[in-house]
N, C-alpha and C. Protein backbone atom coordinates (compact mmCIF):
# COMPACT_ATOMS: atom_id res chain seq x y z
N UNK A 1 138.20 48.05 81.90
CA UNK A 1 137.89 49.45 81.84
C UNK A 1 136.43 49.61 81.43
N UNK A 2 135.77 50.60 81.98
CA UNK A 2 134.40 50.93 81.60
C UNK A 2 134.40 52.32 80.98
N UNK A 3 133.73 52.43 79.84
CA UNK A 3 133.66 53.71 79.12
C UNK A 3 132.21 53.93 78.68
N UNK A 4 131.75 55.17 78.77
CA UNK A 4 130.41 55.52 78.31
C UNK A 4 130.55 56.28 77.00
N UNK A 5 129.93 55.73 75.96
CA UNK A 5 129.94 56.34 74.64
C UNK A 5 128.61 57.06 74.42
N UNK A 6 128.66 58.31 73.98
CA UNK A 6 127.45 59.04 73.60
C UNK A 6 127.28 58.83 72.10
N UNK A 7 126.15 58.21 71.71
CA UNK A 7 125.94 57.86 70.31
C UNK A 7 124.62 58.43 69.80
N UNK A 8 124.47 58.37 68.49
CA UNK A 8 123.25 58.85 67.83
C UNK A 8 122.46 57.67 67.28
N UNK A 9 121.20 57.91 67.00
CA UNK A 9 120.30 57.00 66.29
C UNK A 9 119.73 55.86 67.11
N UNK A 10 119.92 55.81 68.42
CA UNK A 10 119.26 54.76 69.21
C UNK A 10 117.79 55.16 69.34
N UNK A 11 116.92 54.31 68.79
CA UNK A 11 115.50 54.65 68.74
C UNK A 11 114.63 53.74 69.59
N UNK A 12 115.07 52.50 69.80
CA UNK A 12 114.15 51.54 70.43
C UNK A 12 114.92 50.34 70.99
N UNK A 13 114.16 49.38 71.48
CA UNK A 13 114.75 48.14 72.00
C UNK A 13 115.47 47.34 70.93
N UNK A 14 114.99 47.41 69.69
CA UNK A 14 115.68 46.71 68.60
C UNK A 14 117.08 47.26 68.39
N UNK A 15 117.20 48.58 68.44
CA UNK A 15 118.51 49.22 68.31
C UNK A 15 119.42 48.78 69.46
N UNK A 16 118.87 48.79 70.67
CA UNK A 16 119.67 48.42 71.83
C UNK A 16 120.12 46.96 71.74
N UNK A 17 119.25 46.09 71.25
CA UNK A 17 119.59 44.68 71.09
C UNK A 17 120.72 44.51 70.08
N UNK A 18 120.63 45.22 68.95
CA UNK A 18 121.67 45.16 67.93
C UNK A 18 123.01 45.64 68.47
N UNK A 19 122.99 46.75 69.19
CA UNK A 19 124.22 47.31 69.76
C UNK A 19 124.84 46.33 70.75
N UNK A 20 124.02 45.84 71.67
CA UNK A 20 124.54 44.93 72.69
C UNK A 20 125.16 43.69 72.05
N UNK A 21 124.42 43.05 71.17
CA UNK A 21 124.92 41.83 70.53
C UNK A 21 126.17 42.10 69.69
N UNK A 22 126.15 43.19 68.93
CA UNK A 22 127.30 43.51 68.08
C UNK A 22 128.57 43.77 68.87
N UNK A 23 128.44 44.53 69.95
CA UNK A 23 129.63 44.84 70.75
C UNK A 23 130.11 43.64 71.54
N UNK A 24 129.18 42.86 72.08
CA UNK A 24 129.59 41.72 72.90
C UNK A 24 130.22 40.60 72.07
N UNK A 25 130.12 40.67 70.75
CA UNK A 25 130.81 39.72 69.88
C UNK A 25 132.27 40.11 69.65
N UNK A 26 132.61 41.35 69.99
CA UNK A 26 133.99 41.81 69.80
C UNK A 26 134.90 41.19 70.87
N UNK A 27 136.06 40.76 70.43
CA UNK A 27 137.04 40.23 71.37
C UNK A 27 137.44 41.34 72.34
N UNK A 28 137.41 41.04 73.63
CA UNK A 28 137.80 41.99 74.65
C UNK A 28 136.65 42.75 75.28
N UNK A 29 135.47 42.72 74.64
CA UNK A 29 134.30 43.38 75.23
C UNK A 29 133.61 42.40 76.17
N UNK A 30 133.50 42.80 77.42
CA UNK A 30 132.90 41.94 78.44
C UNK A 30 131.39 42.15 78.52
N UNK A 31 130.94 43.40 78.40
CA UNK A 31 129.52 43.71 78.49
C UNK A 31 129.26 45.05 77.83
N UNK A 32 128.06 45.17 77.25
CA UNK A 32 127.63 46.43 76.64
C UNK A 32 126.20 46.70 77.07
N UNK A 33 125.95 47.90 77.56
CA UNK A 33 124.62 48.26 78.02
C UNK A 33 124.17 49.56 77.36
N UNK A 34 123.39 49.46 76.27
CA UNK A 34 122.87 50.67 75.62
C UNK A 34 121.73 51.26 76.43
N UNK A 35 121.58 52.56 76.36
CA UNK A 35 120.50 53.28 77.05
C UNK A 35 119.82 54.19 76.05
N UNK A 36 118.61 53.85 75.69
CA UNK A 36 117.84 54.58 74.69
C UNK A 36 117.57 56.02 75.11
N UNK A 37 117.10 56.20 76.32
CA UNK A 37 116.68 57.53 76.79
C UNK A 37 117.79 58.56 76.75
N UNK A 38 119.00 58.15 77.09
CA UNK A 38 120.12 59.10 77.15
C UNK A 38 121.04 59.02 75.94
N UNK A 39 120.83 58.04 75.07
CA UNK A 39 121.69 57.90 73.89
C UNK A 39 123.11 57.53 74.25
N UNK A 40 123.24 56.66 75.23
CA UNK A 40 124.58 56.24 75.66
C UNK A 40 124.71 54.72 75.59
N UNK A 41 125.96 54.29 75.51
CA UNK A 41 126.28 52.87 75.57
C UNK A 41 127.44 52.73 76.55
N UNK A 42 127.21 52.02 77.65
CA UNK A 42 128.25 51.76 78.63
C UNK A 42 128.89 50.43 78.29
N UNK A 43 130.20 50.45 78.08
CA UNK A 43 130.91 49.25 77.65
C UNK A 43 132.03 48.94 78.64
N UNK A 44 132.03 47.69 79.10
CA UNK A 44 133.10 47.17 79.95
C UNK A 44 134.00 46.31 79.05
N UNK A 45 135.27 46.69 78.96
CA UNK A 45 136.16 45.99 78.05
C UNK A 45 137.59 45.90 78.58
N UNK A 46 138.35 45.00 77.98
CA UNK A 46 139.75 44.80 78.33
C UNK A 46 140.60 45.63 77.37
N UNK A 47 141.27 46.65 77.90
CA UNK A 47 142.08 47.57 77.09
C UNK A 47 143.22 46.87 76.34
N UNK A 48 143.65 45.72 76.82
CA UNK A 48 144.74 45.00 76.16
C UNK A 48 144.25 44.26 74.91
N UNK A 49 142.92 44.08 74.80
CA UNK A 49 142.38 43.34 73.66
C UNK A 49 141.65 44.24 72.65
N UNK A 50 141.10 45.34 73.12
CA UNK A 50 140.33 46.23 72.24
C UNK A 50 140.43 47.66 72.79
N UNK A 51 140.40 48.63 71.89
CA UNK A 51 140.50 50.03 72.32
C UNK A 51 139.13 50.71 72.24
N UNK A 52 139.01 51.82 72.93
CA UNK A 52 137.78 52.61 72.86
C UNK A 52 137.54 53.07 71.42
N UNK A 53 138.60 53.38 70.70
CA UNK A 53 138.47 53.79 69.30
C UNK A 53 137.89 52.66 68.45
N UNK A 54 138.33 51.43 68.69
CA UNK A 54 137.79 50.27 67.96
C UNK A 54 136.29 50.11 68.23
N UNK A 55 135.90 50.31 69.47
CA UNK A 55 134.49 50.19 69.84
C UNK A 55 133.68 51.31 69.17
N UNK A 56 134.23 52.51 69.15
CA UNK A 56 133.57 53.62 68.47
C UNK A 56 133.37 53.35 66.99
N UNK A 57 134.37 52.74 66.35
CA UNK A 57 134.25 52.39 64.93
C UNK A 57 133.19 51.33 64.71
N UNK A 58 133.12 50.34 65.60
CA UNK A 58 132.11 49.29 65.49
C UNK A 58 130.71 49.89 65.63
N UNK A 59 130.54 50.78 66.59
CA UNK A 59 129.24 51.45 66.76
C UNK A 59 128.86 52.19 65.49
N UNK A 60 129.79 52.93 64.93
CA UNK A 60 129.54 53.68 63.70
C UNK A 60 129.20 52.75 62.55
N UNK A 61 129.92 51.64 62.43
CA UNK A 61 129.67 50.67 61.36
C UNK A 61 128.26 50.08 61.46
N UNK A 62 127.74 49.98 62.68
CA UNK A 62 126.40 49.43 62.88
C UNK A 62 125.31 50.49 62.66
N UNK A 63 125.71 51.76 62.48
CA UNK A 63 124.75 52.84 62.27
C UNK A 63 124.51 53.71 63.49
N UNK A 64 125.36 53.55 64.50
CA UNK A 64 125.22 54.30 65.75
C UNK A 64 126.52 55.07 66.03
N UNK A 65 126.77 56.14 65.24
CA UNK A 65 128.03 56.88 65.38
C UNK A 65 128.08 57.68 66.67
N UNK A 66 129.28 58.06 67.04
CA UNK A 66 129.47 58.91 68.21
C UNK A 66 128.77 60.24 67.98
N UNK A 67 128.34 60.86 69.05
CA UNK A 67 127.62 62.13 68.99
C UNK A 67 128.38 63.13 68.11
N UNK A 68 127.67 63.71 67.15
CA UNK A 68 128.27 64.71 66.26
C UNK A 68 128.85 64.15 64.99
N UNK A 69 128.87 62.83 64.83
CA UNK A 69 129.47 62.20 63.64
C UNK A 69 128.42 61.56 62.73
N UNK A 70 127.17 61.95 62.89
CA UNK A 70 126.07 61.34 62.15
C UNK A 70 125.99 61.87 60.72
N UNK A 71 125.48 61.06 59.80
CA UNK A 71 125.18 61.50 58.45
C UNK A 71 124.03 60.65 57.91
N UNK A 72 123.56 60.95 56.71
CA UNK A 72 122.41 60.25 56.15
C UNK A 72 122.65 58.74 56.04
N UNK A 73 123.83 58.33 55.59
CA UNK A 73 124.14 56.91 55.43
C UNK A 73 124.08 56.16 56.75
N UNK A 74 124.59 56.78 57.79
CA UNK A 74 124.58 56.12 59.11
C UNK A 74 123.16 56.07 59.67
N UNK A 75 122.36 57.10 59.40
CA UNK A 75 120.97 57.07 59.84
C UNK A 75 120.24 55.93 59.16
N UNK A 76 120.44 55.79 57.86
CA UNK A 76 119.79 54.71 57.11
C UNK A 76 120.22 53.34 57.62
N UNK A 77 121.51 53.20 57.88
CA UNK A 77 122.02 51.92 58.38
C UNK A 77 121.44 51.60 59.75
N UNK A 78 121.22 52.62 60.57
CA UNK A 78 120.66 52.37 61.90
C UNK A 78 119.24 51.83 61.80
N UNK A 79 118.48 52.25 60.79
CA UNK A 79 117.12 51.71 60.62
C UNK A 79 117.16 50.23 60.29
N UNK A 80 118.12 49.83 59.46
CA UNK A 80 118.28 48.41 59.13
C UNK A 80 118.70 47.64 60.38
N UNK A 81 119.67 48.16 61.11
CA UNK A 81 120.13 47.51 62.35
C UNK A 81 118.99 47.40 63.35
N UNK A 82 118.16 48.44 63.41
CA UNK A 82 117.02 48.45 64.31
C UNK A 82 116.07 47.29 63.99
N UNK A 83 115.75 47.13 62.72
CA UNK A 83 114.83 46.07 62.32
C UNK A 83 115.43 44.69 62.59
N UNK A 84 116.71 44.52 62.31
CA UNK A 84 117.37 43.24 62.60
C UNK A 84 117.33 42.97 64.10
N UNK A 85 117.57 44.00 64.90
CA UNK A 85 117.53 43.85 66.34
C UNK A 85 116.16 43.46 66.86
N UNK A 86 115.12 43.95 66.21
CA UNK A 86 113.75 43.59 66.61
C UNK A 86 113.45 42.13 66.27
N UNK A 87 113.92 41.70 65.11
CA UNK A 87 113.65 40.34 64.65
C UNK A 87 114.43 39.32 65.48
N UNK A 88 115.65 39.68 65.88
CA UNK A 88 116.52 38.72 66.59
C UNK A 88 116.51 38.92 68.09
N UNK A 89 115.56 39.67 68.63
CA UNK A 89 115.52 39.90 70.08
C UNK A 89 115.38 38.58 70.81
N UNK A 90 116.08 38.51 71.92
CA UNK A 90 116.06 37.28 72.73
C UNK A 90 114.79 37.19 73.51
């Protein structure tokens, strides 16, 4: 199944790298493609192994909550994730 998640706090390539790596480590996620310009993440996953809700929670845990679910703590966490993504870029 492919699902497009609208998320907040994607600022740069570091953020996109963090999101892609974080989601692709989840069991059942085949591919994740974040898009900075539109604030979306397209995820191809196996519904029998992981749910869209699980993916949404993982995004939020990384600092990239679903549209409308943002708060100060998640914004701060996204800055940390962004920097890690920049340092660990492939």
